[in-house]
Amino acid sequence: MKNMVEDSVGQGKQISLTDVSQMNNISVSKSWRILRKRLNWYPYKPHAVVPLSLAHKTARKTFCEWLLEQPEGFERNVIWSDEKWFMFRQSPNKQNERYWYPLDPKIERESRVQGGLKVMAWAGLVNGKVLIHWFDADVSVTGETYLEMLKSVVWPKVSKKVNSRKLWFQQDGATVHTTLEARQWLEQKFHQRVISRHTDHPWPAKSPDLSPLDYWFWSVAMRELTRVPPSSIEELKSTVEGFAESLDPEEVYKAVENVRKRAQVCVSQNGGQFQHRLHKHRIAIRGDN
């Protein structure tokens, strides 16, 4: 029976316990016992990743090596920022998609963006807090609206800390972030302490696995929206804001500090995908995959 179950599951084949049971004419519970107790196999989910070229890997490794050269605690002195489209109707839950294997097969899925009623959020992690700003619903961000947000929303909340602690500012290389006007303003306020494209410390493209917003906050915020489904865009925004305000500063700091640990693993993988290596390095925060 053990060999029959093993043959029916196969290598790299997506199959449910119900299918295994029907194929072998045994109960679901017995199928599970054979897979888990006798074969020592586990159900694994596909990993969502972005494709990386050699140039991407080189840039990622170079950035991580630079970050690791910075003093311990450097991560806490960075304003980590990112944007995300929040969909009013979220994409289907992938929780039931599993692949049975004795070891993680590292099955990967490229992420896709789907349409629908949506709103764009900007978030920044600073001083153990999550700052949230919402752009106009269903309207894409432009260089002008992004710069106006930095001036009128972000700067009033962080200026004292920037001047007293010499904080850094991080952003990805999106075109709206790196207009000449935005770069000049950031240089005026943060001087050389900017991590972004077209600076002395460029943020590597296709690196959501290095951004605490991407690998932590967005996922836990989405989990809250799943737990408390909103009935409107305004309720969605209120839920995310309330959740952000409820977070313990130590949890925010812990997520931020994981940047350094992730950088270490990234370097060990020569800038390549490293999600499958995280558990071996004991990186564990709420929402981490």
C-alpha atoms as a PDB file:
ATOM      1  CA  MET A   1       0.000   0.000   0.000  1.00  0.00           C
ATOM      2  CA  LYS A   2       2.878   2.354   0.804  1.00  0.00           C
ATOM      3  CA  ASN A   3       4.333   1.897  -2.699  1.00  0.00           C
ATOM      4  CA  MET A   4       0.929   2.375  -4.298  1.00  0.00           C
ATOM      5  CA  VAL A   5       0.381   5.686  -2.524  1.00  0.00           C
ATOM      6  CA  GLU A   6       3.898   6.860  -3.373  1.00  0.00           C
ATOM      7  CA  ASP A   7       3.385   5.998  -7.046  1.00  0.00           C
ATOM      8  CA  SER A   8       0.015   7.734  -7.208  1.00  0.00           C
ATOM      9  CA  VAL A   9       1.374  10.974  -5.760  1.00  0.00           C
ATOM     10  CA  GLY A  10       4.472  11.023  -7.962  1.00  0.00           C
ATOM     11  CA  GLN A  11       7.220  13.624  -8.065  1.00  0.00           C
ATOM     12  CA  GLY A  12       6.127  17.204  -8.773  1.00  0.00           C
ATOM     13  CA  LYS A  13       2.463  16.297  -9.205  1.00  0.00           C
ATOM     14  CA  GLN A  14      -0.217  18.418  -7.572  1.00  0.00           C
ATOM     15  CA  ILE A  15      -2.782  16.121  -5.998  1.00  0.00           C
ATOM     16  CA  SER A  16      -5.196  16.221  -3.091  1.00  0.00           C
ATOM     17  CA  LEU A  17      -5.567  13.678  -0.311  1.00  0.00           C
ATOM     18  CA  THR A  18      -9.048  12.932  -1.647  1.00  0.00           C
ATOM     19  CA  ASP A  19      -7.583  12.029  -5.050  1.00  0.00           C
ATOM     20  CA  VAL A  20      -4.965   9.794  -3.452  1.00  0.00           C
ATOM     21  CA  SER A  21      -7.679   8.043  -1.450  1.00  0.00           C
ATOM     22  CA  GLN A  22      -9.894   7.443  -4.472  1.00  0.00           C
ATOM     23  CA  MET A  23      -7.028   6.207  -6.630  1.00  0.00           C
ATOM     24  CA  ASN A  24      -6.034   3.634  -4.007  1.00  0.00           C
ATOM     25  CA  ASN A  25      -9.488   2.886  -2.610  1.00  0.00           C
ATOM     26  CA  ILE A  26      -8.511   3.845   0.942  1.00  0.00           C
ATOM     27  CA  SER A  27      -9.699   6.498   3.384  1.00  0.00           C
ATOM     28  CA  VAL A  28      -8.370  10.048   3.473  1.00  0.00           C
ATOM     29  CA  SER A  29      -7.049   9.511   6.998  1.00  0.00           C
ATOM     30  CA  LYS A  30      -5.153   6.407   5.920  1.00  0.00           C
ATOM     31  CA  SER A  31      -3.687   8.262   2.943  1.00  0.00           C
ATOM     32  CA  TRP A  32      -2.497  10.986   5.293  1.00  0.00           C
ATOM     33  CA  ARG A  33      -0.912   8.477   7.700  1.00  0.00           C
ATOM     34  CA  ILE A  34       0.985   6.771   4.884  1.00  0.00           C
ATOM     35  CA  LEU A  35       2.245  10.063   3.453  1.00  0.00           C
ATOM     36  CA  ARG A  36       3.164  11.668   6.767  1.00  0.00           C
ATOM     37  CA  LYS A  37       4.035   8.769   9.078  1.00  0.00           C
ATOM     38  CA  ARG A  38       5.447   6.123   6.767  1.00  0.00           C
ATOM     39  CA  LEU A  39       6.870   8.160   3.883  1.00  0.00           C
ATOM     40  CA  ASN A  40       7.695  11.274   5.954  1.00  0.00           C
ATOM     41  CA  TRP A  41       6.341  13.513   3.216  1.00  0.00           C
ATOM     42  CA  TYR A  42       4.852  16.968   3.758  1.00  0.00           C
ATOM     43  CA  PRO A  43       2.350  19.122   1.834  1.00  0.00           C
ATOM     44  CA  TYR A  44       4.120  22.135   0.326  1.00  0.00           C
ATOM     45  CA  LYS A  45       2.730  25.272  -1.253  1.00  0.00           C
ATOM     46  CA  PRO A  46       4.258  26.836  -4.401  1.00  0.00           C
ATOM     47  CA  HIS A  47       6.528  29.818  -3.698  1.00  0.00           C
ATOM     48  CA  ALA A  48       5.539  33.096  -5.365  1.00  0.00           C
ATOM     49  CA  VAL A  49       8.701  34.565  -6.900  1.00  0.00           C
ATOM     50  CA  VAL A  50       9.767  37.087  -9.510  1.00  0.00           C
ATOM     51  CA  PRO A  51      12.110  36.066 -12.355  1.00  0.00           C
ATOM     52  CA  LEU A  52      15.728  37.139 -11.851  1.00  0.00           C
ATOM     53  CA  SER A  53      18.354  37.731 -14.513  1.00  0.00           C
ATOM     54  CA  LEU A  54      22.095  37.581 -13.869  1.00  0.00           C
ATOM     55  CA  ALA A  55      22.125  41.399 -13.658  1.00  0.00           C
ATOM     56  CA  HIS A  56      19.371  41.323 -11.032  1.00  0.00           C
ATOM     57  CA  LYS A  57      21.250  38.751  -8.968  1.00  0.00           C
ATOM     58  CA  THR A  58      24.483  40.743  -9.151  1.00  0.00           C
ATOM     59  CA  ALA A  59      22.754  43.954  -8.051  1.00  0.00           C
ATOM     60  CA  ARG A  60      21.001  42.162  -5.192  1.00  0.00           C
ATOM     61  CA  LYS A  61      24.223  40.627  -3.936  1.00  0.00           C
ATOM     62  CA  THR A  62      26.082  43.941  -4.189  1.00  0.00           C
ATOM     63  CA  PHE A  63      23.401  45.754  -2.205  1.00  0.00           C
ATOM     64  CA  CYS A  64      23.251  43.060   0.466  1.00  0.00           C
ATOM     65  CA  GLU A  65      27.025  43.085   0.873  1.00  0.00           C
ATOM     66  CA  TRP A  66      26.897  46.862   1.359  1.00  0.00           C
ATOM     67  CA  LEU A  67      24.079  46.586   3.900  1.00  0.00           C
ATOM     68  CA  LEU A  68      25.976  43.956   5.882  1.00  0.00           C
ATOM     69  CA  GLU A  69      28.937  46.315   6.104  1.00  0.00           C
ATOM     70  CA  GLN A  70      26.800  48.865   7.980  1.00  0.00           C
ATOM     71  CA  PRO A  71      26.852  48.999  11.794  1.00  0.00           C
ATOM     72  CA  GLU A  72      24.589  46.685  13.769  1.00  0.00           C
ATOM     73  CA  GLY A  73      21.166  48.272  14.101  1.00  0.00           C
ATOM     74  CA  PHE A  74      21.502  50.236  10.855  1.00  0.00           C
ATOM     75  CA  GLU A  75      18.167  48.796   9.686  1.00  0.00           C
ATOM     76  CA  ARG A  76      16.325  50.683  12.431  1.00  0.00           C
ATOM     77  CA  ASN A  77      17.592  53.982  11.052  1.00  0.00           C
ATOM     78  CA  VAL A  78      16.052  53.439   7.626  1.00  0.00           C
ATOM     79  CA  ILE A  79      12.583  54.600   6.626  1.00  0.00           C
ATOM     80  CA  TRP A  80      11.494  51.547   4.623  1.00  0.00           C
ATOM     81  CA  SER A  81       8.788  52.449   2.118  1.00  0.00           C
ATOM     82  CA  ASP A  82       6.628  50.798  -0.504  1.00  0.00           C
ATOM     83  CA  GLU A  83       3.259  51.009  -2.263  1.00  0.00           C
ATOM     84  CA  LYS A  84       0.598  48.387  -2.781  1.00  0.00           C
ATOM     85  CA  TRP A  85      -2.693  48.159  -4.611  1.00  0.00           C
ATOM     86  CA  PHE A  86      -5.389  46.863  -2.279  1.00  0.00           C
ATOM     87  CA  MET A  87      -8.148  45.108  -4.181  1.00  0.00           C
ATOM     88  CA  PHE A  88     -11.680  45.433  -2.808  1.00  0.00           C
ATOM     89  CA  ARG A  89     -12.274  41.834  -3.885  1.00  0.00           C
ATOM     90  CA  GLN A  90      -9.128  39.856  -3.210  1.00  0.00           C
ATOM     91  CA  SER A  91      -7.834  37.062  -5.440  1.00  0.00           C
ATOM     92  CA  PRO A  92      -8.817  33.485  -4.514  1.00  0.00           C
ATOM     93  CA  ASN A  93      -7.093  31.926  -1.518  1.00  0.00           C
ATOM     94  CA  LYS A  94      -4.363  29.461  -2.500  1.00  0.00           C
ATOM     95  CA  GLN A  95      -4.299  27.716   0.876  1.00  0.00           C
ATOM     96  CA  ASN A  96      -5.554  24.409  -0.539  1.00  0.00           C
ATOM     97  CA  GLU A  97      -2.845  24.117  -3.189  1.00  0.00           C
ATOM     98  CA  ARG A  98      -0.282  21.599  -1.950  1.00  0.00           C
ATOM     99  CA  TYR A  99       2.445  19.365  -3.350  1.00  0.00           C
ATOM    100  CA  TRP A 100       3.403  16.247  -1.367  1.00  0.00           C
ATOM    101  CA  TYR A 101       7.146  15.684  -1.126  1.00  0.00           C
ATOM    102  CA  PRO A 102       9.702  14.355   1.361  1.00  0.00           C
ATOM    103  CA  LEU A 103      11.515  17.724   1.083  1.00  0.00           C
ATOM    104  CA  ASP A 104      10.395  21.177  -0.043  1.00  0.00           C
ATOM    105  CA  PRO A 105      10.347  20.923  -3.887  1.00  0.00           C
ATOM    106  CA  LYS A 106      10.656  24.715  -4.218  1.00  0.00           C
ATOM    107  CA  ILE A 107       7.774  24.916  -6.688  1.00  0.00           C
ATOM    108  CA  GLU A 108       7.422  28.538  -7.728  1.00  0.00           C
ATOM    109  CA  ARG A 109       4.642  30.704  -9.101  1.00  0.00           C
ATOM    110  CA  GLU A 110       5.161  34.105 -10.692  1.00  0.00           C
ATOM    111  CA  SER A 111       2.902  36.699  -9.069  1.00  0.00           C
ATOM    112  CA  ARG A 112       0.120  38.236 -11.161  1.00  0.00           C
ATOM    113  CA  VAL A 113      -1.803  41.460 -10.676  1.00  0.00           C
ATOM    114  CA  GLN A 114      -5.540  41.337 -11.311  1.00  0.00           C
ATOM    115  CA  GLY A 115      -7.976  44.131 -12.031  1.00  0.00           C
ATOM    116  CA  GLY A 116     -11.023  45.351 -10.119  1.00  0.00           C
ATOM    117  CA  LEU A 117     -11.974  48.126  -7.717  1.00  0.00           C
ATOM    118  CA  LYS A 118      -8.783  49.079  -5.914  1.00  0.00           C
ATOM    119  CA  VAL A 119      -6.930  51.725  -3.948  1.00  0.00           C
ATOM    120  CA  MET A 120      -3.212  52.446  -3.666  1.00  0.00           C
ATOM    121  CA  ALA A 121      -1.542  52.641  -0.252  1.00  0.00           C
ATOM    122  CA  TRP A 122       1.902  53.987   0.603  1.00  0.00           C
ATOM    123  CA  ALA A 123       3.440  52.680   3.820  1.00  0.00           C
ATOM    124  CA  GLY A 124       6.616  53.555   5.654  1.00  0.00           C
ATOM    125  CA  LEU A 125       8.245  51.795   8.594  1.00  0.00           C
ATOM    126  CA  VAL A 126       9.949  54.215  10.956  1.00  0.00           C
ATOM    127  CA  ASN A 127      10.695  54.254  14.669  1.00  0.00           C
ATOM    128  CA  GLY A 128       8.672  51.103  15.323  1.00  0.00           C
ATOM    129  CA  LYS A 129       5.570  52.470  13.624  1.00  0.00           C
ATOM    130  CA  VAL A 130       3.782  51.966  10.313  1.00  0.00           C
ATOM    131  CA  LEU A 131       2.826  55.165   8.501  1.00  0.00           C
ATOM    132  CA  ILE A 132      -0.043  54.802   6.016  1.00  0.00           C
ATOM    133  CA  HIS A 133      -1.126  57.136   3.216  1.00  0.00           C
ATOM    134  CA  TRP A 134      -3.887  56.468   0.682  1.00  0.00           C
ATOM    135  CA  PHE A 135      -3.849  57.867  -2.812  1.00  0.00           C
ATOM    136  CA  ASP A 136      -7.126  58.653  -4.571  1.00  0.00           C
ATOM    137  CA  ALA A 137      -9.082  55.462  -5.236  1.00  0.00           C
ATOM    138  CA  ASP A 138      -8.512  53.739  -8.576  1.00  0.00           C
ATOM    139  CA  VAL A 139      -5.976  56.415  -9.629  1.00  0.00           C
ATOM    140  CA  SER A 140      -2.360  55.574 -10.435  1.00  0.00           C
ATOM    141  CA  VAL A 141       0.428  57.454  -8.685  1.00  0.00           C
ATOM    142  CA  THR A 142       2.377  60.046 -10.689  1.00  0.00           C
ATOM    143  CA  GLY A 143       5.681  61.731 -10.027  1.00  0.00           C
ATOM    144  CA  GLU A 144       3.819  64.851  -8.945  1.00  0.00           C
ATOM    145  CA  THR A 145       1.445  63.109  -6.506  1.00  0.00           C
ATOM    146  CA  TYR A 146       4.291  61.049  -5.051  1.00  0.00           C
ATOM    147  CA  LEU A 147       6.464  64.104  -4.420  1.00  0.00           C
ATOM    148  CA  GLU A 148       3.523  65.984  -2.926  1.00  0.00           C
ATOM    149  CA  MET A 149       2.938  63.075  -0.553  1.00  0.00           C
ATOM    150  CA  LEU A 150       6.596  63.131   0.550  1.00  0.00           C
ATOM    151  CA  LYS A 151       6.387  66.857   1.219  1.00  0.00           C
ATOM    152  CA  SER A 152       2.988  67.166   2.874  1.00  0.00           C
ATOM    153  CA  VAL A 153       2.418  63.775   4.501  1.00  0.00           C
ATOM    154  CA  VAL A 154       5.704  61.984   5.167  1.00  0.00           C
ATOM    155  CA  TRP A 155       8.102  64.807   5.970  1.00  0.00           C
ATOM    156  CA  PRO A 156       6.004  66.467   8.715  1.00  0.00           C
ATOM    157  CA  LYS A 157       5.879  63.088  10.524  1.00  0.00           C
ATOM    158  CA  VAL A 158       9.571  62.193  10.249  1.00  0.00           C
ATOM    159  CA  SER A 159      11.522  65.452   9.963  1.00  0.00           C
ATOM    160  CA  LYS A 160      12.510  65.652  13.639  1.00  0.00           C
ATOM    161  CA  LYS A 161      13.735  62.068  13.658  1.00  0.00           C
ATOM    162  CA  VAL A 162      15.597  62.540  10.364  1.00  0.00           C
ATOM    163  CA  ASN A 163      17.506  65.501  11.764  1.00  0.00           C
ATOM    164  CA  SER A 164      18.230  63.986  15.180  1.00  0.00           C
ATOM    165  CA  ARG A 165      19.026  60.410  14.147  1.00  0.00           C
ATOM    166  CA  LYS A 166      20.223  60.971  10.574  1.00  0.00           C
ATOM    167  CA  LEU A 167      17.677  58.539   9.189  1.00  0.00           C
ATOM    168  CA  TRP A 168      17.971  57.029   5.738  1.00  0.00           C
ATOM    169  CA  PHE A 169      15.132  56.818   3.223  1.00  0.00           C
ATOM    170  CA  GLN A 170      14.530  53.707   1.103  1.00  0.00           C
ATOM    171  CA  GLN A 171      12.323  53.395  -1.955  1.00  0.00           C
ATOM    172  CA  ASP A 172      12.226  51.077  -4.948  1.00  0.00           C
ATOM    173  CA  GLY A 173      13.173  52.166  -8.442  1.00  0.00           C
ATOM    174  CA  ALA A 174       9.698  52.944  -9.783  1.00  0.00           C
ATOM    175  CA  THR A 175       9.781  55.794 -12.294  1.00  0.00           C
ATOM    176  CA  VAL A 176       7.488  57.981 -10.183  1.00  0.00           C
ATOM    177  CA  HIS A 177       9.947  57.669  -7.277  1.00  0.00           C
ATOM    178  CA  THR A 178      13.009  58.658  -9.250  1.00  0.00           C
ATOM    179  CA  THR A 179      11.975  61.782 -11.134  1.00  0.00           C
ATOM    180  CA  LEU A 180      14.572  64.552 -11.074  1.00  0.00           C
ATOM    181  CA  GLU A 181      12.344  66.582  -8.746  1.00  0.00           C
ATOM    182  CA  ALA A 182      11.887  63.722  -6.286  1.00  0.00           C
ATOM    183  CA  ARG A 183      15.601  62.925  -6.247  1.00  0.00           C
ATOM    184  CA  GLN A 184      16.532  66.558  -5.673  1.00  0.00           C
ATOM    185  CA  TRP A 185      14.044  66.850  -2.812  1.00  0.00           C
ATOM    186  CA  LEU A 186      15.240  63.633  -1.165  1.00  0.00           C
ATOM    187  CA  GLU A 187      18.870  64.717  -1.479  1.00  0.00           C
ATOM    188  CA  GLN A 188      18.034  68.061   0.115  1.00  0.00           C
ATOM    189  CA  LYS A 189      16.302  66.415   3.074  1.00  0.00           C
ATOM    190  CA  PHE A 190      18.338  63.227   3.517  1.00  0.00           C
ATOM    191  CA  HIS A 191      21.576  64.277   1.811  1.00  0.00           C
ATOM    192  CA  GLN A 192      23.443  61.105   0.764  1.00  0.00           C
ATOM    193  CA  ARG A 193      21.293  58.854   2.953  1.00  0.00           C
ATOM    194  CA  VAL A 194      18.945  57.649   0.215  1.00  0.00           C
ATOM    195  CA  ILE A 195      18.594  54.065  -0.956  1.00  0.00           C
ATOM    196  CA  SER A 196      17.069  54.240  -4.421  1.00  0.00           C
ATOM    197  CA  ARG A 197      17.776  53.954  -8.111  1.00  0.00           C
ATOM    198  CA  HIS A 198      20.084  56.727  -9.408  1.00  0.00           C
ATOM    199  CA  THR A 199      21.815  57.139  -6.022  1.00  0.00           C
ATOM    200  CA  ASP A 200      25.105  55.948  -4.555  1.00  0.00           C
ATOM    201  CA  HIS A 201      23.178  53.102  -2.888  1.00  0.00           C
ATOM    202  CA  PRO A 202      20.702  51.770  -5.459  1.00  0.00           C
ATOM    203  CA  TRP A 203      17.846  49.563  -4.327  1.00  0.00           C
ATOM    204  CA  PRO A 204      18.068  46.339  -6.389  1.00  0.00           C
ATOM    205  CA  ALA A 205      15.204  45.723  -8.791  1.00  0.00           C
ATOM    206  CA  LYS A 206      12.870  42.755  -8.223  1.00  0.00           C
ATOM    207  CA  SER A 207      13.684  42.452  -4.530  1.00  0.00           C
ATOM    208  CA  PRO A 208      10.412  42.234  -2.588  1.00  0.00           C
ATOM    209  CA  ASP A 209      12.080  39.540  -0.462  1.00  0.00           C
ATOM    210  CA  LEU A 210      14.399  42.235   0.932  1.00  0.00           C
ATOM    211  CA  SER A 211      11.693  44.783   1.755  1.00  0.00           C
ATOM    212  CA  PRO A 212      10.000  44.467   5.169  1.00  0.00           C
ATOM    213  CA  LEU A 213       6.847  45.967   3.682  1.00  0.00           C
ATOM    214  CA  ASP A 214       6.708  43.202   1.081  1.00  0.00           C
ATOM    215  CA  TYR A 215       7.830  40.219   3.128  1.00  0.00           C
ATOM    216  CA  TRP A 216       5.956  41.263   6.278  1.00  0.00           C
ATOM    217  CA  PHE A 217       3.512  44.147   6.544  1.00  0.00           C
ATOM    218  CA  TRP A 218       1.498  43.689   3.362  1.00  0.00           C
ATOM    219  CA  SER A 219       0.941  40.005   4.125  1.00  0.00           C
ATOM    220  CA  VAL A 220      -0.183  40.550   7.731  1.00  0.00           C
ATOM    221  CA  ALA A 221      -2.421  43.435   6.640  1.00  0.00           C
ATOM    222  CA  MET A 222      -3.996  41.211   3.983  1.00  0.00           C
ATOM    223  CA  ARG A 223      -4.524  38.541   6.618  1.00  0.00           C
ATOM    224  CA  GLU A 224      -6.411  41.077   8.731  1.00  0.00           C
ATOM    225  CA  LEU A 225      -8.609  41.946   5.748  1.00  0.00           C
ATOM    226  CA  THR A 226      -9.348  38.250   5.300  1.00  0.00           C
ATOM    227  CA  ARG A 227     -10.245  37.983   8.968  1.00  0.00           C
ATOM    228  CA  VAL A 228     -12.439  41.106   8.850  1.00  0.00           C
ATOM    229  CA  PRO A 229     -13.697  41.418   5.237  1.00  0.00           C
ATOM    230  CA  PRO A 230     -14.524  45.059   4.390  1.00  0.00           C
ATOM    231  CA  SER A 231     -17.826  46.072   2.825  1.00  0.00           C
ATOM    232  CA  SER A 232     -16.393  49.141   1.092  1.00  0.00           C
ATOM    233  CA  ILE A 233     -13.146  50.776   0.076  1.00  0.00           C
ATOM    234  CA  GLU A 234     -13.437  53.169   3.026  1.00  0.00           C
ATOM    235  CA  GLU A 235     -13.850  50.262   5.410  1.00  0.00           C
ATOM    236  CA  LEU A 236     -10.856  48.541   3.814  1.00  0.00           C
ATOM    237  CA  LYS A 237      -8.717  51.603   4.458  1.00  0.00           C
ATOM    238  CA  SER A 238      -9.984  51.929   8.010  1.00  0.00           C
ATOM    239  CA  THR A 239      -9.207  48.279   8.735  1.00  0.00           C
ATOM    240  CA  VAL A 240      -5.643  48.537   7.433  1.00  0.00           C
ATOM    241  CA  GLU A 241      -5.020  51.788   9.327  1.00  0.00           C
ATOM    242  CA  GLY A 242      -6.411  50.388  12.560  1.00  0.00           C
ATOM    243  CA  PHE A 243      -4.338  47.252  12.219  1.00  0.00           C
ATOM    244  CA  ALA A 244      -1.169  49.263  11.551  1.00  0.00           C
ATOM    245  CA  GLU A 245      -1.772  51.387  14.642  1.00  0.00           C
ATOM    246  CA  SER A 246      -2.329  48.286  16.783  1.00  0.00           C
ATOM    247  CA  LEU A 247       1.058  46.742  16.016  1.00  0.00           C
ATOM    248  CA  ASP A 248       3.558  46.524  18.851  1.00  0.00           C
ATOM    249  CA  PRO A 249       6.693  48.571  18.021  1.00  0.00           C
ATOM    250  CA  GLU A 250       8.841  45.546  18.873  1.00  0.00           C
ATOM    251  CA  GLU A 251       7.090  43.544  16.168  1.00  0.00           C
ATOM    252  CA  VAL A 252       7.822  46.289  13.652  1.00  0.00           C
ATOM    253  CA  TYR A 253      11.457  46.424  14.755  1.00  0.00           C
ATOM    254  CA  LYS A 254      11.743  42.647  14.536  1.00  0.00           C
ATOM    255  CA  ALA A 255      10.482  42.701  10.953  1.00  0.00           C
ATOM    256  CA  VAL A 256      12.923  45.472  10.058  1.00  0.00           C
ATOM    257  CA  GLU A 257      15.871  43.688  11.655  1.00  0.00           C
ATOM    258  CA  ASN A 258      15.172  40.640   9.513  1.00  0.00           C
ATOM    259  CA  VAL A 259      16.458  42.649   6.549  1.00  0.00           C
ATOM    260  CA  ARG A 260      19.999  41.940   7.742  1.00  0.00           C
ATOM    261  CA  LYS A 261      19.345  38.220   8.159  1.00  0.00           C
ATOM    262  CA  ARG A 262      17.770  38.062   4.729  1.00  0.00           C
ATOM    263  CA  ALA A 263      20.729  39.917   3.262  1.00  0.00           C
ATOM    264  CA  GLN A 264      23.049  37.268   4.684  1.00  0.00           C
ATOM    265  CA  VAL A 265      21.044  34.480   3.049  1.00  0.00           C
ATOM    266  CA  CYS A 266      20.816  36.430  -0.217  1.00  0.00           C
ATOM    267  CA  VAL A 267      24.609  36.758  -0.362  1.00  0.00           C
ATOM    268  CA  SER A 268      24.985  33.046   0.334  1.00  0.00           C
ATOM    269  CA  GLN A 269      22.754  32.420  -2.703  1.00  0.00           C
ATOM    270  CA  ASN A 270      24.753  34.859  -4.877  1.00  0.00           C
ATOM    271  CA  GLY A 271      21.782  37.181  -5.140  1.00  0.00           C
ATOM    272  CA  GLY A 272      19.371  34.472  -6.284  1.00  0.00           C
ATOM    273  CA  GLN A 273      16.077  33.300  -4.827  1.00  0.00           C
ATOM    274  CA  PHE A 274      16.483  32.485  -1.147  1.00  0.00           C
ATOM    275  CA  GLN A 275      12.985  32.027   0.294  1.00  0.00           C
ATOM    276  CA  HIS A 276      13.523  28.278   0.533  1.00  0.00           C
ATOM    277  CA  ARG A 277      16.581  28.884   2.744  1.00  0.00           C
ATOM    278  CA  LEU A 278      14.897  31.080   5.340  1.00  0.00           C
ATOM    279  CA  HIS A 279      13.812  28.395   7.772  1.00  0.00           C
ATOM    280  CA  LYS A 280      17.305  26.958   7.849  1.00  0.00           C
ATOM    281  CA  HIS A 281      18.470  30.346   9.053  1.00  0.00           C
ATOM    282  CA  ARG A 282      15.644  30.552  11.602  1.00  0.00           C
ATOM    283  CA  ILE A 283      14.082  33.720  10.255  1.00  0.00           C
ATOM    284  CA  ALA A 284      10.634  33.697  11.835  1.00  0.00           C
ATOM    285  CA  ILE A 285       8.280  36.670  12.041  1.00  0.00           C
ATOM    286  CA  ARG A 286       4.538  36.884  11.768  1.00  0.00           C
ATOM    287  CA  GLY A 287       3.565  36.715   8.101  1.00  0.00           C
ATOM    288  CA  ASP A 288       6.960  35.426   6.919  1.00  0.00           C
ATOM    289  CA  ASN A 289       6.798  32.728   4.258  1.00  0.00           C
END
